[in-house]
Protein backbone atom coordinates (compact mmCIF):
# COMPACT_ATOMS: atom_id res chain seq x y z
CA MET A 1 0.00 0.00 0.00
CA ALA A 2 1.33 3.43 -0.99
CA LYS A 3 0.72 6.77 0.70
CA ILE A 4 -0.51 9.14 -2.02
CA ALA A 5 -1.13 12.89 -2.09
CA VAL A 6 -3.57 14.38 -4.59
CA ILE A 7 -3.19 18.12 -5.17
CA GLY A 8 -6.42 19.77 -6.30
CA GLY A 9 -10.04 19.06 -5.43
CA GLY A 10 -11.71 19.40 -8.80
CA ALA A 11 -13.27 16.62 -10.87
CA ALA A 12 -9.92 15.05 -11.79
CA GLY A 13 -8.62 15.23 -8.23
CA MET A 14 -11.72 13.69 -6.67
CA LEU A 15 -11.82 10.89 -9.24
CA ALA A 16 -8.10 10.17 -8.87
CA ALA A 17 -8.28 10.19 -5.07
CA GLY A 18 -11.36 7.98 -4.96
CA ARG A 19 -9.93 5.47 -7.40
CA ALA A 20 -6.51 5.28 -5.74
CA ALA A 21 -8.14 4.74 -2.35
CA GLN A 22 -10.47 2.14 -3.87
CA ARG A 23 -7.37 0.23 -4.95
CA GLY A 24 -6.21 0.03 -1.34
CA HIS A 25 -3.88 3.01 -0.97
CA GLU A 26 -3.82 5.64 1.77
CA VAL A 27 -4.88 8.80 -0.03
CA HIS A 28 -4.85 12.43 1.10
CA LEU A 29 -6.47 15.13 -1.05
CA PHE A 30 -5.30 18.74 -0.61
CA GLU A 31 -7.49 21.61 -1.82
CA LYS A 32 -6.57 25.28 -1.33
CA ASN A 33 -10.20 26.47 -1.43
CA ASN A 34 -12.65 25.97 1.42
CA ARG A 35 -14.77 23.63 -0.68
CA LEU A 36 -14.40 21.07 -3.45
CA GLY A 37 -15.36 21.36 -7.11
CA LYS A 38 -15.69 25.16 -7.45
CA LYS A 39 -15.19 24.99 -11.22
CA ILE A 40 -17.69 22.13 -11.54
CA LEU A 41 -20.33 24.32 -9.94
CA ILE A 42 -20.19 26.92 -12.73
CA THR A 43 -19.94 24.56 -15.72
CA GLY A 44 -22.86 24.11 -18.09
CA LYS A 45 -24.48 27.28 -16.73
CA GLY A 46 -24.75 25.64 -13.33
CA ARG A 47 -26.02 22.33 -14.72
CA CYS A 48 -22.62 20.67 -15.33
CA ASN A 49 -22.07 19.15 -18.77
CA VAL A 50 -20.54 15.97 -17.30
CA THR A 51 -19.38 14.35 -20.54
CA ASN A 52 -20.49 13.54 -24.09
CA ASP A 53 -22.31 10.39 -25.16
CA GLY A 54 -20.25 9.97 -28.35
CA ASP A 55 -18.03 6.98 -29.10
CA LEU A 56 -14.26 6.84 -28.55
CA ASP A 57 -13.49 8.00 -32.10
CA ALA A 58 -15.59 11.11 -31.59
CA PHE A 59 -13.57 11.97 -28.49
CA LEU A 60 -10.25 11.43 -30.24
CA ASP A 61 -11.35 13.56 -33.21
CA ASN A 62 -11.90 16.50 -30.87
CA ILE A 63 -8.63 16.35 -28.97
CA PRO A 64 -6.09 18.97 -30.15
CA GLY A 65 -2.53 17.87 -30.77
CA ASN A 66 -1.85 14.15 -30.46
CA PRO A 67 -5.13 12.49 -29.42
CA TYR A 68 -3.58 9.04 -29.04
CA PHE A 69 -1.56 10.32 -26.08
CA ILE A 70 -4.68 9.82 -23.95
CA TYR A 71 -6.10 6.84 -25.83
CA SER A 72 -5.23 4.44 -23.02
CA ALA A 73 -6.92 6.71 -20.45
CA PHE A 74 -10.13 6.81 -22.51
CA TYR A 75 -9.94 3.06 -23.07
CA ARG A 76 -9.64 2.28 -19.34
CA PHE A 77 -12.24 4.80 -18.14
CA ASP A 78 -14.59 6.14 -20.79
CA ASN A 79 -17.72 8.28 -20.75
CA GLN A 80 -19.99 5.33 -20.01
CA ALA A 81 -17.83 4.30 -17.06
CA LEU A 82 -18.15 7.83 -15.68
CA ARG A 83 -21.93 7.77 -16.04
CA GLN A 84 -22.04 4.40 -14.30
CA LEU A 85 -19.88 5.69 -11.45
CA LEU A 86 -22.21 8.64 -10.92
CA LEU A 87 -25.19 6.27 -11.02
CA ASP A 88 -23.53 4.06 -8.41
CA MET A 89 -23.26 7.18 -6.25
CA GLY A 90 -26.98 7.81 -6.69
CA LEU A 91 -26.89 10.37 -9.51
CA GLU A 92 -28.64 9.61 -12.79
CA THR A 93 -27.61 11.37 -16.01
CA LYS A 94 -29.40 12.23 -19.25
CA VAL A 95 -28.36 12.92 -22.85
CA GLU A 96 -29.38 16.17 -24.53
CA ARG A 97 -28.79 17.91 -27.87
CA GLY A 98 -25.32 17.32 -29.27
CA ASN A 99 -24.93 14.17 -27.14
CA ARG A 100 -24.18 16.33 -24.10
CA VAL A 101 -24.63 14.54 -20.79
CA PHE A 102 -26.12 16.32 -17.76
CA PRO A 103 -27.37 15.16 -14.36
CA VAL A 104 -31.12 14.59 -14.47
CA THR A 105 -31.45 17.04 -11.60
CA ASP A 106 -29.86 19.82 -13.70
CA ARG A 107 -27.74 20.74 -10.67
CA SER A 108 -23.95 20.82 -10.85
CA LEU A 109 -23.83 20.64 -7.05
CA ASP A 110 -25.17 17.09 -7.27
CA VAL A 111 -22.16 16.07 -9.38
CA VAL A 112 -19.79 17.48 -6.75
CA GLN A 113 -21.67 15.68 -3.99
CA ALA A 114 -21.58 12.39 -5.91
CA LEU A 115 -17.80 12.63 -6.29
CA GLU A 116 -17.46 13.56 -2.62
CA LYS A 117 -19.49 10.46 -1.75
CA TYR A 118 -17.14 8.36 -3.90
CA MET A 119 -14.19 9.62 -1.87
CA ARG A 120 -15.92 9.14 1.48
CA GLN A 121 -16.84 5.57 0.65
CA ASN A 122 -13.18 4.84 -0.03
CA LYS A 123 -11.94 6.73 3.04
CA VAL A 124 -9.97 9.51 1.34
CA ALA A 125 -8.52 11.97 3.88
CA LEU A 126 -9.62 15.47 2.88
CA HIS A 127 -7.62 18.63 3.66
CA LEU A 128 -9.44 21.85 2.73
CA GLU A 129 -7.80 25.30 2.81
CA SER A 130 -4.48 23.49 2.46
CA GLN A 131 -2.46 25.01 -0.37
CA VAL A 132 0.45 22.95 -1.67
CA GLU A 133 3.40 25.12 -2.67
CA HIS A 134 5.88 22.53 -3.84
CA VAL A 135 6.34 18.85 -4.71
CA VAL A 136 9.39 17.72 -2.73
CA MET A 137 11.93 15.66 -4.66
CA LYS A 138 15.20 14.04 -3.65
CA GLU A 139 17.61 12.46 -6.12
CA GLY A 140 15.00 12.69 -8.89
CA LYS A 141 12.29 10.95 -6.87
CA VAL A 142 9.12 12.39 -5.35
CA THR A 143 9.25 12.19 -1.57
CA GLY A 144 6.37 14.41 -0.48
CA ILE A 145 4.83 17.88 -0.57
CA ARG A 146 5.39 21.25 1.09
CA LEU A 147 2.39 23.30 2.12
CA LYS A 148 2.09 27.09 2.01
CA ASN A 149 2.79 27.19 5.76
CA GLN A 150 6.14 25.47 4.92
CA LYS A 151 5.14 22.21 6.58
CA GLU A 152 6.53 19.19 4.70
CA LEU A 153 4.61 15.92 4.54
CA PRO A 154 6.07 12.62 3.28
CA PHE A 155 4.34 10.70 0.47
CA ASP A 156 5.27 7.81 -1.81
CA ALA A 157 3.56 9.42 -4.81
CA VAL A 158 1.93 12.73 -5.73
CA ILE A 159 -0.86 13.25 -8.25
CA VAL A 160 -1.14 16.85 -9.50
CA THR A 161 -4.67 17.78 -10.61
CA THR A 162 -4.61 21.56 -10.27
CA GLY A 163 -6.24 22.45 -13.59
CA GLY A 164 -5.03 25.12 -15.96
CA LEU A 165 -5.34 28.91 -15.99
CA SER A 166 -8.91 29.21 -17.21
CA TYR A 167 -10.73 30.30 -14.04
CA PRO A 168 -8.39 31.87 -11.45
CA ASN A 169 -11.35 32.70 -9.20
CA THR A 170 -12.03 28.98 -8.79
CA GLY A 171 -8.42 28.21 -7.92
CA SER A 172 -7.09 27.42 -11.41
CA THR A 173 -4.05 29.68 -11.23
CA GLY A 174 -1.48 27.54 -13.02
CA ASP A 175 0.07 25.94 -9.94
CA GLY A 176 0.48 22.63 -11.74
CA TYR A 177 2.60 24.14 -14.50
CA ARG A 178 4.97 25.60 -11.93
CA MET A 179 5.21 22.28 -10.08
CA ALA A 180 5.82 20.36 -13.31
CA LYS A 181 8.58 22.75 -14.37
CA ALA A 182 10.25 22.53 -10.95
CA ALA A 183 10.18 18.73 -11.28
CA GLY A 184 12.11 18.94 -14.54
CA HIS A 185 9.32 18.80 -17.08
CA THR A 186 9.20 21.09 -20.10
CA VAL A 187 6.25 23.48 -20.07
CA THR A 188 5.35 24.84 -23.50
CA LYS A 189 3.94 28.30 -24.10
CA LEU A 190 0.47 28.59 -22.61
CA TYR A 191 -2.45 30.02 -24.55
CA PRO A 192 -6.23 30.00 -24.07
CA SER A 193 -8.47 27.49 -25.82
CA LEU A 194 -12.16 28.20 -25.12
CA VAL A 195 -12.28 31.98 -24.96
CA PRO A 196 -14.57 34.92 -25.79
CA LEU A 197 -13.84 37.09 -28.80
CA LYS A 198 -11.96 40.30 -28.02
CA THR A 199 -12.09 43.37 -30.22
CA ALA A 200 -10.22 46.66 -30.31
CA GLU A 201 -13.49 48.52 -30.90
CA SER A 202 -15.79 49.49 -28.03
CA TRP A 203 -19.11 49.31 -29.90
CA CYS A 204 -19.54 45.64 -28.95
CA GLN A 205 -20.51 46.75 -25.46
CA GLU A 206 -23.58 48.45 -26.90
CA LEU A 207 -24.97 45.25 -28.46
CA MET A 208 -27.85 43.32 -26.88
CA GLY A 209 -25.73 40.26 -26.06
CA LEU A 210 -27.98 37.61 -27.55
CA SER A 211 -26.87 33.97 -27.23
CA LEU A 212 -27.23 32.11 -30.53
CA ARG A 213 -27.06 28.36 -31.10
CA ASN A 214 -25.00 26.49 -33.69
CA ILE A 215 -23.06 29.55 -34.83
CA ALA A 216 -19.61 29.34 -36.42
CA ILE A 217 -17.11 31.94 -37.59
């Protein structure tokens, strides 16, 4: 049995922590916010677009760069496995236009609570308001983590699930990139993916702001 630290309490962190604990490891999840899943709560306009009901090829076709890099991950835990996990935790899902999958309750909070239940069932130790500053390494091997208060904790392995830079207000401030670089990984230039259009002109502010469906530029 290994002692594992998971950094970040979003969807990836909760799933990773729950699964690692389910496999018999001692797992501790560290989240710098005072609650889990802050980004989940605002996705899908508060309804949480959990996944898509398409097949594996459809997922690979929509991955930028080299999609086969994550082929094995999709193969081991696909969209149907995720829906089944949520169902096992008491949350049913439904498929809407565009094969988008939402909870039948239309509440993103229910998705967070289902993932929290998954962790509780597998006895994950949760540490809220506990910001990790650094992944401690000795002789090229991970040995633990250092918190913002400079306290060091020993671990056999560390899983970094801190998200990107998309929503700083939810805690996604790029911590994972800094940790990866400090561990010797190469971090390429960062740029936004799903973003609003920005214009030099100011007249856009005077428009009505209508939301249109199935529009492309």
